[in-house]
Amino acid sequence: MQQKINKNYILRKYKYIILKLIKLRLGETVEKPQLVNFIAKVLEDSGFKVYKNFKTSQQVVDIYAILQTSMGDFGLVVACKNYDKDWEVGIDVLKEMEFIGKKLRASKVAIVTSYGFSSQAKRYAEERKIKLIDRNNLVTLAKKYSNKNKETKSRLDRGANRLTDIDSDSFYHRDVNR
């Protein structure tokens, strides 16, 4: 019963953020804390230990996430940029995050924006294997996450007592040695 209450609380808490992100396509704005919280929640649900507003010696990173695996830790540095229409993330942001990622020995750097990226930034990211998530990718992610939460809630409501109720994707991709 306690698990069901916690899941319902979480679903309600993030429902508003998910709806706002889906409405991005219609031109609505999303506040930066909502954007950071949504990305952090997605990472947490993916098994990452998430640190929001992570302070390094000279900068603050929106999200620093660590996934512990049997092969070692996988570190992810994420910058969330909440820009208005017609304001693209430039190469300077990517270089800054790349520098921070190297400092923290992160395995991957990701930049999330509520609008888009300059062509220079896209080329730079492709060369450096930096993950870019723009407005369209963010809307797609929110829709997928919303559908995943609906499936989870449905399973919790049914009781999820049978082995067939377990999400096969999450079951088979888990490390059995943990």
Foldseek 3Di string as FASTA:
>chain_A
DVVLVVLVVVCVVLVVLLVQLLCLVVQDFDDQVSVLVVVQVVVVVVQWDWDAQCDDPPHTFRIWTWHQDPVGIAIETEHEAGDHEPDADELVVVVVQVVVCVVVVHNAYEYEYLAYHDPRNVVVCVVVVHHYHYSVNSSVVSVVVNVVSVLVSVCVVVPVPDPVSDDVVVVVPDDPVD
